[in-house]
């Protein structure tokens, strides 16, 4: 059952990226691995904004896509890092948070 849940999260994550025109030029599994690294960085104490800058500096994604990638990773794999309703980060942001 956990595998089906993981596959569902992976599919949702990849679909969310695709809807914004974000593709991983290596492979979908590389994008999924990178999303899990986003969660590890958040677990280590980095803020979502810091992680978005890290993604920006370590990839060829433009700024908006870097933030969107972090938000999609949070939505799919580590929702405990979603901003609280009404917080500065969540202002005007739908489920797919962007810094």
PDB file of N, CA and C in Angstrom:
ATOM      1  N   UNK A   1       0.815  -1.193   0.000  1.00  0.00           N
ATOM      2  CA  UNK A   1       0.000   0.000   0.000  1.00  0.00           C
ATOM      3  C   UNK A   1       0.861   1.260   0.000  1.00  0.00           C
ATOM      4  N   UNK A   2       1.990   1.252   0.704  1.00  0.00           N
ATOM      5  CA  UNK A   2       2.867   2.414   0.730  1.00  0.00           C
ATOM      6  C   UNK A   2       3.407   2.719  -0.659  1.00  0.00           C
ATOM      7  N   UNK A   3       3.661   1.680  -1.455  1.00  0.00           N
ATOM      8  CA  UNK A   3       4.167   1.888  -2.801  1.00  0.00           C
ATOM      9  C   UNK A   3       3.139   2.618  -3.660  1.00  0.00           C
ATOM     10  N   UNK A   4       1.885   2.227  -3.565  1.00  0.00           N
ATOM     11  CA  UNK A   4       0.834   2.904  -4.323  1.00  0.00           C
ATOM     12  C   UNK A   4       0.740   4.364  -3.918  1.00  0.00           C
ATOM     13  N   UNK A   5       0.875   4.631  -2.622  1.00  0.00           N
ATOM     14  CA  UNK A   5       0.844   6.011  -2.134  1.00  0.00           C
ATOM     15  C   UNK A   5       2.016   6.793  -2.709  1.00  0.00           C
ATOM     16  N   UNK A   6       3.199   6.176  -2.695  1.00  0.00           N
ATOM     17  CA  UNK A   6       4.386   6.847  -3.223  1.00  0.00           C
ATOM     18  C   UNK A   6       4.214   7.120  -4.714  1.00  0.00           C
ATOM     19  N   UNK A   7       3.710   6.147  -5.465  1.00  0.00           N
ATOM     20  CA  UNK A   7       3.497   6.342  -6.892  1.00  0.00           C
ATOM     21  C   UNK A   7       2.495   7.459  -7.145  1.00  0.00           C
ATOM     22  N   UNK A   8       1.445   7.524  -6.331  1.00  0.00           N
ATOM     23  CA  UNK A   8       0.452   8.576  -6.458  1.00  0.00           C
ATOM     24  C   UNK A   8       1.089   9.941  -6.201  1.00  0.00           C
ATOM     25  N   UNK A   9       1.922  10.040  -5.168  1.00  0.00           N
ATOM     26  CA  UNK A   9       2.620  11.294  -4.886  1.00  0.00           C
ATOM     27  C   UNK A   9       3.552  11.659  -6.031  1.00  0.00           C
ATOM     28  N   UNK A  10       4.267  10.664  -6.550  1.00  0.00           N
ATOM     29  CA  UNK A  10       5.184  10.916  -7.664  1.00  0.00           C
ATOM     30  C   UNK A  10       4.416  11.429  -8.878  1.00  0.00           C
ATOM     31  N   UNK A  11       3.313  10.768  -9.198  1.00  0.00           N
ATOM     32  CA  UNK A  11       2.509  11.179 -10.353  1.00  0.00           C
ATOM     33  C   UNK A  11       1.967  12.593 -10.171  1.00  0.00           C
ATOM     34  N   UNK A  12       1.487  12.885  -8.975  1.00  0.00           N
ATOM     35  CA  UNK A  12       0.943  14.221  -8.693  1.00  0.00           C
ATOM     36  C   UNK A  12       2.044  15.276  -8.804  1.00  0.00           C
ATOM     37  N   UNK A  13       3.215  14.970  -8.247  1.00  0.00           N
ATOM     38  CA  UNK A  13       4.349  15.894  -8.301  1.00  0.00           C
ATOM     39  C   UNK A  13       4.750  16.172  -9.752  1.00  0.00           C
ATOM     40  N   UNK A  14       4.937  15.117 -10.529  1.00  0.00           N
ATOM     41  CA  UNK A  14       5.356  15.287 -11.921  1.00  0.00           C
ATOM     42  C   UNK A  14       4.294  16.011 -12.738  1.00  0.00           C
ATOM     43  N   UNK A  15       3.041  15.728 -12.467  1.00  0.00           N
ATOM     44  CA  UNK A  15       1.948  16.399 -13.163  1.00  0.00           C
ATOM     45  C   UNK A  15       1.923  17.888 -12.838  1.00  0.00           C
ATOM     46  N   UNK A  16       2.168  18.213 -11.576  1.00  0.00           N
ATOM     47  CA  UNK A  16       2.185  19.624 -11.175  1.00  0.00           C
ATOM     48  C   UNK A  16       3.326  20.365 -11.871  1.00  0.00           C
ATOM     49  N   UNK A  17       4.489  19.731 -11.952  1.00  0.00           N
ATOM     50  CA  UNK A  17       5.609  20.359 -12.656  1.00  0.00           C
ATOM     51  C   UNK A  17       5.277  20.546 -14.132  1.00  0.00           C
ATOM     52  N   UNK A  18       4.746  19.508 -14.735  1.00  0.00           N
ATOM     53  CA  UNK A  18       4.419  19.558 -16.155  1.00  0.00           C
ATOM     54  C   UNK A  18       3.404  20.662 -16.451  1.00  0.00           C
ATOM     55  N   UNK A  19       2.459  20.875 -15.542  1.00  0.00           N
ATOM     56  CA  UNK A  19       1.442  21.907 -15.759  1.00  0.00           C
ATOM     57  C   UNK A  19       2.050  23.302 -15.823  1.00  0.00           C
ATOM     58  N   UNK A  20       3.238  23.462 -15.231  1.00  0.00           N
ATOM     59  CA  UNK A  20       3.930  24.758 -15.270  1.00  0.00           C
ATOM     60  C   UNK A  20       5.043  24.787 -16.316  1.00  0.00           C
ATOM     61  N   UNK A  21       5.156  23.701 -17.088  1.00  0.00           N
ATOM     62  CA  UNK A  21       6.189  23.655 -18.118  1.00  0.00           C
ATOM     63  C   UNK A  21       7.574  23.359 -17.579  1.00  0.00           C
ATOM     64  N   UNK A  22       7.638  22.780 -16.379  1.00  0.00           N
ATOM     65  CA  UNK A  22       8.925  22.446 -15.766  1.00  0.00           C
ATOM     66  C   UNK A  22       9.221  20.983 -16.068  1.00  0.00           C
ATOM     67  N   UNK A  23      10.345  20.748 -16.744  1.00  0.00           N
ATOM     68  CA  UNK A  23      10.753  19.377 -17.025  1.00  0.00           C
ATOM     69  C   UNK A  23      12.176  19.178 -16.544  1.00  0.00           C
ATOM     70  N   UNK A  24      12.464  17.973 -16.100  1.00  0.00           N
ATOM     71  CA  UNK A  24      13.827  17.615 -15.727  1.00  0.00           C
ATOM     72  C   UNK A  24      14.459  17.021 -16.977  1.00  0.00           C
ATOM     73  N   UNK A  25      15.525  17.625 -17.435  1.00  0.00           N
ATOM     74  CA  UNK A  25      16.140  17.183 -18.677  1.00  0.00           C
ATOM     75  C   UNK A  25      16.868  15.853 -18.528  1.00  0.00           C
ATOM     76  N   UNK A  26      17.038  15.380 -17.309  1.00  0.00           N
ATOM     77  CA  UNK A  26      17.674  14.084 -17.090  1.00  0.00           C
ATOM     78  C   UNK A  26      16.615  12.994 -17.107  1.00  0.00           C
ATOM     79  N   UNK A  27      15.660  13.047 -16.192  1.00  0.00           N
ATOM     80  CA  UNK A  27      14.590  12.046 -16.138  1.00  0.00           C
ATOM     81  C   UNK A  27      13.576  12.431 -15.070  1.00  0.00           C
ATOM     82  N   UNK A  28      12.370  11.881 -15.155  1.00  0.00           N
ATOM     83  CA  UNK A  28      11.392  12.113 -14.088  1.00  0.00           C
ATOM     84  C   UNK A  28      11.892  11.611 -12.734  1.00  0.00           C
ATOM     85  N   UNK A  29      12.592  10.476 -12.720  1.00  0.00           N
ATOM     86  CA  UNK A  29      13.084   9.958 -11.438  1.00  0.00           C
ATOM     87  C   UNK A  29      14.116  10.901 -10.828  1.00  0.00           C
ATOM     88  N   UNK A  30      14.860  11.628 -11.651  1.00  0.00           N
ATOM     89  CA  UNK A  30      15.811  12.618 -11.139  1.00  0.00           C
ATOM     90  C   UNK A  30      15.065  13.770 -10.471  1.00  0.00           C
ATOM     91  N   UNK A  31      13.967  14.198 -11.079  1.00  0.00           N
ATOM     92  CA  UNK A  31      13.157  15.269 -10.485  1.00  0.00           C
ATOM     93  C   UNK A  31      12.588  14.826  -9.143  1.00  0.00           C
ATOM     94  N   UNK A  32      12.136  13.571  -9.067  1.00  0.00           N
ATOM     95  CA  UNK A  32      11.584  13.039  -7.817  1.00  0.00           C
ATOM     96  C   UNK A  32      12.667  12.988  -6.748  1.00  0.00           C
ATOM     97  N   UNK A  33      13.859  12.541  -7.110  1.00  0.00           N
ATOM     98  CA  UNK A  33      14.979  12.507  -6.164  1.00  0.00           C
ATOM     99  C   UNK A  33      15.294  13.921  -5.674  1.00  0.00           C
ATOM    100  N   UNK A  34      15.325  14.879  -6.589  1.00  0.00           N
ATOM    101  CA  UNK A  34      15.601  16.269  -6.204  1.00  0.00           C
ATOM    102  C   UNK A  34      14.530  16.796  -5.255  1.00  0.00           C
ATOM    103  N   UNK A  35      13.289  16.396  -5.464  1.00  0.00           N
ATOM    104  CA  UNK A  35      12.207  16.827  -4.570  1.00  0.00           C
ATOM    105  C   UNK A  35      12.408  16.276  -3.165  1.00  0.00           C
ATOM    106  N   UNK A  36      12.861  15.041  -3.072  1.00  0.00           N
ATOM    107  CA  UNK A  36      13.136  14.470  -1.754  1.00  0.00           C
ATOM    108  C   UNK A  36      14.315  15.182  -1.084  1.00  0.00           C
ATOM    109  N   UNK A  37      15.263  15.634  -1.871  1.00  0.00           N
ATOM    110  CA  UNK A  37      16.383  16.410  -1.321  1.00  0.00           C
ATOM    111  C   UNK A  37      15.874  17.745  -0.780  1.00  0.00           C
ATOM    112  N   UNK A  38      14.892  18.343  -1.454  1.00  0.00           N
ATOM    113  CA  UNK A  38      14.256  19.565  -0.937  1.00  0.00           C
ATOM    114  C   UNK A  38      13.750  19.309   0.481  1.00  0.00           C
ATOM    115  N   UNK A  39      13.051  18.196   0.669  1.00  0.00           N
ATOM    116  CA  UNK A  39      12.506  17.872   1.995  1.00  0.00           C
ATOM    117  C   UNK A  39      13.617  17.637   3.013  1.00  0.00           C
ATOM    118  N   UNK A  40      14.702  16.993   2.597  1.00  0.00           N
ATOM    119  CA  UNK A  40      15.830  16.772   3.507  1.00  0.00           C
ATOM    120  C   UNK A  40      16.430  18.100   3.952  1.00  0.00           C
ATOM    121  N   UNK A  41      16.534  19.041   3.031  1.00  0.00           N
ATOM    122  CA  UNK A  41      17.082  20.356   3.387  1.00  0.00           C
ATOM    123  C   UNK A  41      16.159  21.086   4.362  1.00  0.00           C
ATOM    124  N   UNK A  42      14.858  20.959   4.146  1.00  0.00           N
ATOM    125  CA  UNK A  42      13.907  21.553   5.089  1.00  0.00           C
ATOM    126  C   UNK A  42      14.007  20.870   6.447  1.00  0.00           C
ATOM    127  N   UNK A  43      14.164  19.548   6.440  1.00  0.00           N
ATOM    128  CA  UNK A  43      14.344  18.805   7.696  1.00  0.00           C
ATOM    129  C   UNK A  43      15.584  19.276   8.450  1.00  0.00           C
ATOM    130  N   UNK A  44      16.613  19.702   7.703  1.00  0.00           N
ATOM    131  CA  UNK A  44      17.861  20.126   8.345  1.00  0.00           C
ATOM    132  C   UNK A  44      17.791  21.555   8.876  1.00  0.00           C
ATOM    133  N   UNK A  45      16.659  22.247   8.621  1.00  0.00           N
ATOM    134  CA  UNK A  45      16.485  23.577   9.193  1.00  0.00           C
ATOM    135  C   UNK A  45      16.481  24.723   8.203  1.00  0.00           C
ATOM    136  N   UNK A  46      16.711  24.446   6.926  1.00  0.00           N
ATOM    137  CA  UNK A  46      16.645  25.516   5.936  1.00  0.00           C
ATOM    138  C   UNK A  46      15.195  25.963   5.773  1.00  0.00           C
ATOM    139  N   UNK A  47      15.003  27.216   5.416  1.00  0.00           N
ATOM    140  CA  UNK A  47      13.658  27.720   5.138  1.00  0.00           C
ATOM    141  C   UNK A  47      13.303  27.395   3.684  1.00  0.00           C
ATOM    142  N   UNK A  48      12.014  27.405   3.350  1.00  0.00           N
ATOM    143  CA  UNK A  48      11.638  27.181   1.949  1.00  0.00           C
ATOM    144  C   UNK A  48      12.304  28.173   0.993  1.00  0.00           C
ATOM    145  N   UNK A  49      12.440  29.412   1.410  1.00  0.00           N
ATOM    146  CA  UNK A  49      13.084  30.410   0.560  1.00  0.00           C
ATOM    147  C   UNK A  49      14.552  30.077   0.349  1.00  0.00           C
ATOM    148  N   UNK A  50      15.241  29.656   1.410  1.00  0.00           N
ATOM    149  CA  UNK A  50      16.647  29.266   1.276  1.00  0.00           C
ATOM    150  C   UNK A  50      16.792  28.075   0.331  1.00  0.00           C
ATOM    151  N   UNK A  51      15.888  27.124   0.451  1.00  0.00           N
ATOM    152  CA  UNK A  51      15.941  25.954  -0.430  1.00  0.00           C
ATOM    153  C   UNK A  51      15.671  26.371  -1.874  1.00  0.00           C
ATOM    154  N   UNK A  52      14.731  27.280  -2.086  1.00  0.00           N
ATOM    155  CA  UNK A  52      14.441  27.749  -3.445  1.00  0.00           C
ATOM    156  C   UNK A  52      15.668  28.422  -4.056  1.00  0.00           C
ATOM    157  N   UNK A  53      16.383  29.219  -3.273  1.00  0.00           N
ATOM    158  CA  UNK A  53      17.612  29.834  -3.773  1.00  0.00           C
ATOM    159  C   UNK A  53      18.665  28.778  -4.067  1.00  0.00           C
ATOM    160  N   UNK A  54      18.730  27.743  -3.241  1.00  0.00           N
ATOM    161  CA  UNK A  54      19.664  26.652  -3.475  1.00  0.00           C
ATOM    162  C   UNK A  54      19.334  25.943  -4.792  1.00  0.00           C
ATOM    163  N   UNK A  55      18.052  25.679  -5.022  1.00  0.00           N
ATOM    164  CA  UNK A  55      17.626  25.059  -6.284  1.00  0.00           C
ATOM    165  C   UNK A  55      17.977  25.982  -7.452  1.00  0.00           C
ATOM    166  N   UNK A  56      17.719  27.264  -7.302  1.00  0.00           N
ATOM    167  CA  UNK A  56      18.030  28.234  -8.346  1.00  0.00           C
ATOM    168  C   UNK A  56      19.513  28.203  -8.696  1.00  0.00           C
ATOM    169  N   UNK A  57      20.364  28.183  -7.673  1.00  0.00           N
ATOM    170  CA  UNK A  57      21.807  28.231  -7.885  1.00  0.00           C
ATOM    171  C   UNK A  57      22.407  26.914  -8.346  1.00  0.00           C
ATOM    172  N   UNK A  58      21.697  25.804  -8.154  1.00  0.00           N
ATOM    173  CA  UNK A  58      22.266  24.504  -8.513  1.00  0.00           C
ATOM    174  C   UNK A  58      21.574  23.871  -9.725  1.00  0.00           C
ATOM    175  N   UNK A  59      20.722  24.632 -10.385  1.00  0.00           N
ATOM    176  CA  UNK A  59      20.021  24.096 -11.552  1.00  0.00           C
ATOM    177  C   UNK A  59      19.974  25.167 -12.634  1.00  0.00           C
ATOM    178  N   UNK A  60      19.407  24.796 -13.754  1.00  0.00           N
ATOM    179  CA  UNK A  60      19.252  25.769 -14.838  1.00  0.00           C
ATOM    180  C   UNK A  60      17.848  26.372 -14.858  1.00  0.00           C
ATOM    181  N   UNK A  61      17.078  26.140 -13.777  1.00  0.00           N
ATOM    182  CA  UNK A  61      15.716  26.674 -13.707  1.00  0.00           C
ATOM    183  C   UNK A  61      15.730  28.169 -13.420  1.00  0.00           C
ATOM    184  N   UNK A  62      14.818  28.912 -14.044  1.00  0.00           N
ATOM    185  CA  UNK A  62      14.670  30.321 -13.662  1.00  0.00           C
ATOM    186  C   UNK A  62      14.067  30.430 -12.260  1.00  0.00           C
ATOM    187  N   UNK A  63      14.129  31.606 -11.697  1.00  0.00           N
ATOM    188  CA  UNK A  63      13.697  31.822 -10.318  1.00  0.00           C
ATOM    189  C   UNK A  63      12.292  31.348 -10.011  1.00  0.00           C
ATOM    190  N   UNK A  64      11.334  31.714 -10.853  1.00  0.00           N
ATOM    191  CA  UNK A  64       9.948  31.316 -10.588  1.00  0.00           C
ATOM    192  C   UNK A  64       9.819  29.800 -10.574  1.00  0.00           C
ATOM    193  N   UNK A  65      10.447  29.130 -11.521  1.00  0.00           N
ATOM    194  CA  UNK A  65      10.374  27.669 -11.566  1.00  0.00           C
ATOM    195  C   UNK A  65      11.050  27.038 -10.356  1.00  0.00           C
ATOM    196  N   UNK A  66      12.121  27.638  -9.873  1.00  0.00           N
ATOM    197  CA  UNK A  66      12.789  27.106  -8.679  1.00  0.00           C
ATOM    198  C   UNK A  66      11.853  27.145  -7.483  1.00  0.00           C
ATOM    199  N   UNK A  67      11.187  28.259  -7.301  1.00  0.00           N
ATOM    200  CA  UNK A  67      10.231  28.372  -6.203  1.00  0.00           C
ATOM    201  C   UNK A  67       9.055  27.434  -6.374  1.00  0.00           C
ATOM    202  N   UNK A  68       8.579  27.312  -7.599  1.00  0.00           N
ATOM    203  CA  UNK A  68       7.452  26.416  -7.866  1.00  0.00           C
ATOM    204  C   UNK A  68       7.853  24.976  -7.585  1.00  0.00           C
ATOM    205  N   UNK A  69       9.077  24.597  -7.975  1.00  0.00           N
ATOM    206  CA  UNK A  69       9.580  23.245  -7.736  1.00  0.00           C
ATOM    207  C   UNK A  69       9.585  22.938  -6.242  1.00  0.00           C
ATOM    208  N   UNK A  70      10.075  23.873  -5.444  1.00  0.00           N
ATOM    209  CA  UNK A  70      10.100  23.675  -3.988  1.00  0.00           C
ATOM    210  C   UNK A  70       8.678  23.533  -3.455  1.00  0.00           C
ATOM    211  N   UNK A  71       7.772  24.382  -3.907  1.00  0.00           N
ATOM    212  CA  UNK A  71       6.382  24.282  -3.464  1.00  0.00           C
ATOM    213  C   UNK A  71       5.740  22.959  -3.844  1.00  0.00           C
ATOM    214  N   UNK A  72       6.011  22.494  -5.055  1.00  0.00           N
ATOM    215  CA  UNK A  72       5.458  21.213  -5.500  1.00  0.00           C
ATOM    216  C   UNK A  72       6.047  20.061  -4.692  1.00  0.00           C
ATOM    217  N   UNK A  73       7.345  20.154  -4.373  1.00  0.00           N
ATOM    218  CA  UNK A  73       7.986  19.115  -3.549  1.00  0.00           C
ATOM    219  C   UNK A  73       7.360  19.075  -2.159  1.00  0.00           C
ATOM    220  N   UNK A  74       7.128  20.241  -1.585  1.00  0.00           N
ATOM    221  CA  UNK A  74       6.493  20.315  -0.264  1.00  0.00           C
ATOM    222  C   UNK A  74       5.101  19.704  -0.330  1.00  0.00           C
ATOM    223  N   UNK A  75       4.329  20.086  -1.331  1.00  0.00           N
ATOM    224  CA  UNK A  75       2.967  19.548  -1.465  1.00  0.00           C
ATOM    225  C   UNK A  75       2.961  18.029  -1.557  1.00  0.00           C
ATOM    226  N   UNK A  76       3.882  17.481  -2.321  1.00  0.00           N
ATOM    227  CA  UNK A  76       3.866  16.039  -2.588  1.00  0.00           C
ATOM    228  C   UNK A  76       4.533  15.205  -1.507  1.00  0.00           C
ATOM    229  N   UNK A  77       5.646  15.687  -0.942  1.00  0.00           N
ATOM    230  CA  UNK A  77       6.483  14.817  -0.115  1.00  0.00           C
ATOM    231  C   UNK A  77       6.695  15.267   1.331  1.00  0.00           C
ATOM    232  N   UNK A  78       6.518  16.529   1.612  1.00  0.00           N
ATOM    233  CA  UNK A  78       6.728  16.980   2.998  1.00  0.00           C
ATOM    234  C   UNK A  78       5.747  18.110   3.331  1.00  0.00           C
ATOM    235  N   UNK A  79       4.458  17.786   3.324  1.00  0.00           N
ATOM    236  CA  UNK A  79       3.428  18.809   3.533  1.00  0.00           C
ATOM    237  C   UNK A  79       3.490  19.478   4.901  1.00  0.00           C
ATOM    238  N   UNK A  80       4.240  18.901   5.828  1.00  0.00           N
ATOM    239  CA  UNK A  80       4.383  19.546   7.134  1.00  0.00           C
ATOM    240  C   UNK A  80       5.074  20.907   7.004  1.00  0.00           C
ATOM    241  N   UNK A  81       5.703  21.180   5.859  1.00  0.00           N
ATOM    242  CA  UNK A  81       6.377  22.462   5.657  1.00  0.00           C
ATOM    243  C   UNK A  81       5.527  23.461   4.878  1.00  0.00           C
ATOM    244  N   UNK A  82       4.276  23.125   4.613  1.00  0.00           N
ATOM    245  CA  UNK A  82       3.392  24.105   3.983  1.00  0.00           C
ATOM    246  C   UNK A  82       3.239  25.288   4.928  1.00  0.00           C
ATOM    247  N   UNK A  83       3.190  26.494   4.384  1.00  0.00           N
ATOM    248  CA  UNK A  83       3.004  27.660   5.256  1.00  0.00           C
ATOM    249  C   UNK A  83       1.618  27.639   5.885  1.00  0.00           C
ATOM    250  N   UNK A  84       1.542  28.215   7.063  1.00  0.00           N
ATOM    251  CA  UNK A  84       0.250  28.313   7.741  1.00  0.00           C
ATOM    252  C   UNK A  84      -0.631  29.301   6.996  1.00  0.00           C
ATOM    253  N   UNK A  85      -1.919  29.073   7.079  1.00  0.00           N
ATOM    254  CA  UNK A  85      -2.890  29.973   6.456  1.00  0.00           C
ATOM    255  C   UNK A  85      -2.657  31.391   6.959  1.00  0.00           C
ATOM    256  N   UNK A  86      -2.569  32.331   6.035  1.00  0.00           N
ATOM    257  CA  UNK A  86      -2.405  33.720   6.413  1.00  0.00           C
ATOM    258  C   UNK A  86      -0.965  34.142   6.648  1.00  0.00           C
ATOM    259  N   UNK A  87      -0.007  33.216   6.522  1.00  0.00           N
ATOM    260  CA  UNK A  87       1.387  33.603   6.715  1.00  0.00           C
ATOM    261  C   UNK A  87       1.869  34.383   5.496  1.00  0.00           C
ATOM    262  N   UNK A  88       2.985  35.048   5.631  1.00  0.00           N
ATOM    263  CA  UNK A  88       3.557  35.822   4.538  1.00  0.00           C
ATOM    264  C   UNK A  88       3.805  34.925   3.335  1.00  0.00           C
ATOM    265  N   UNK A  89       4.371  33.737   3.552  1.00  0.00           N
ATOM    266  CA  UNK A  89       4.670  32.836   2.444  1.00  0.00           C
ATOM    267  C   UNK A  89       3.408  32.361   1.759  1.00  0.00           C
ATOM    268  N   UNK A  90       2.348  32.148   2.510  1.00  0.00           N
ATOM    269  CA  UNK A  90       1.132  31.605   1.941  1.00  0.00           C
ATOM    270  C   UNK A  90       0.208  32.644   1.337  1.00  0.00           C
ATOM    271  N   UNK A  91       0.549  33.922   1.439  1.00  0.00           N
ATOM    272  CA  UNK A  91      -0.334  34.981   0.963  1.00  0.00           C
ATOM    273  C   UNK A  91      -0.637  34.801  -0.518  1.00  0.00           C
ATOM    274  N   UNK A  92      -1.894  34.531  -0.796  1.00  0.00           N
ATOM    275  CA  UNK A  92      -2.328  34.410  -2.171  1.00  0.00           C
ATOM    276  C   UNK A  92      -1.899  33.132  -2.857  1.00  0.00           C
ATOM    277  N   UNK A  93      -1.229  32.244  -2.146  1.00  0.00           N
ATOM    278  CA  UNK A  93      -0.725  31.029  -2.785  1.00  0.00           C
ATOM    279  C   UNK A  93      -1.732  29.901  -2.652  1.00  0.00           C
ATOM    280  N   UNK A  94      -2.026  29.228  -3.757  1.00  0.00           N
ATOM    281  CA  UNK A  94      -2.879  28.046  -3.665  1.00  0.00           C
ATOM    282  C   UNK A  94      -2.088  26.876  -3.106  1.00  0.00           C
ATOM    283  N   UNK A  95      -2.603  25.681  -3.231  1.00  0.00           N
ATOM    284  CA  UNK A  95      -1.965  24.497  -2.656  1.00  0.00           C
ATOM    285  C   UNK A  95      -0.502  24.378  -3.062  1.00  0.00           C
ATOM    286  N   UNK A  96      -0.142  24.735  -4.267  1.00  0.00           N
ATOM    287  CA  UNK A  96       1.255  24.658  -4.710  1.00  0.00           C
ATOM    288  C   UNK A  96       1.993  25.920  -4.331  1.00  0.00           C
ATOM    289  N   UNK A  97       2.531  25.964  -3.127  1.00  0.00           N
ATOM    290  CA  UNK A  97       3.167  27.158  -2.593  1.00  0.00           C
ATOM    291  C   UNK A  97       4.387  27.546  -3.407  1.00  0.00           C
ATOM    292  N   UNK A  98       4.609  28.826  -3.541  1.00  0.00           N
ATOM    293  CA  UNK A  98       5.800  29.372  -4.193  1.00  0.00           C
ATOM    294  C   UNK A  98       6.385  30.447  -3.298  1.00  0.00           C
ATOM    295  N   UNK A  99       7.710  30.481  -3.151  1.00  0.00           N
ATOM    296  CA  UNK A  99       8.316  31.539  -2.321  1.00  0.00           C
ATOM    297  C   UNK A  99       8.274  32.882  -3.010  1.00  0.00           C
TER     298      UNK A  99
END
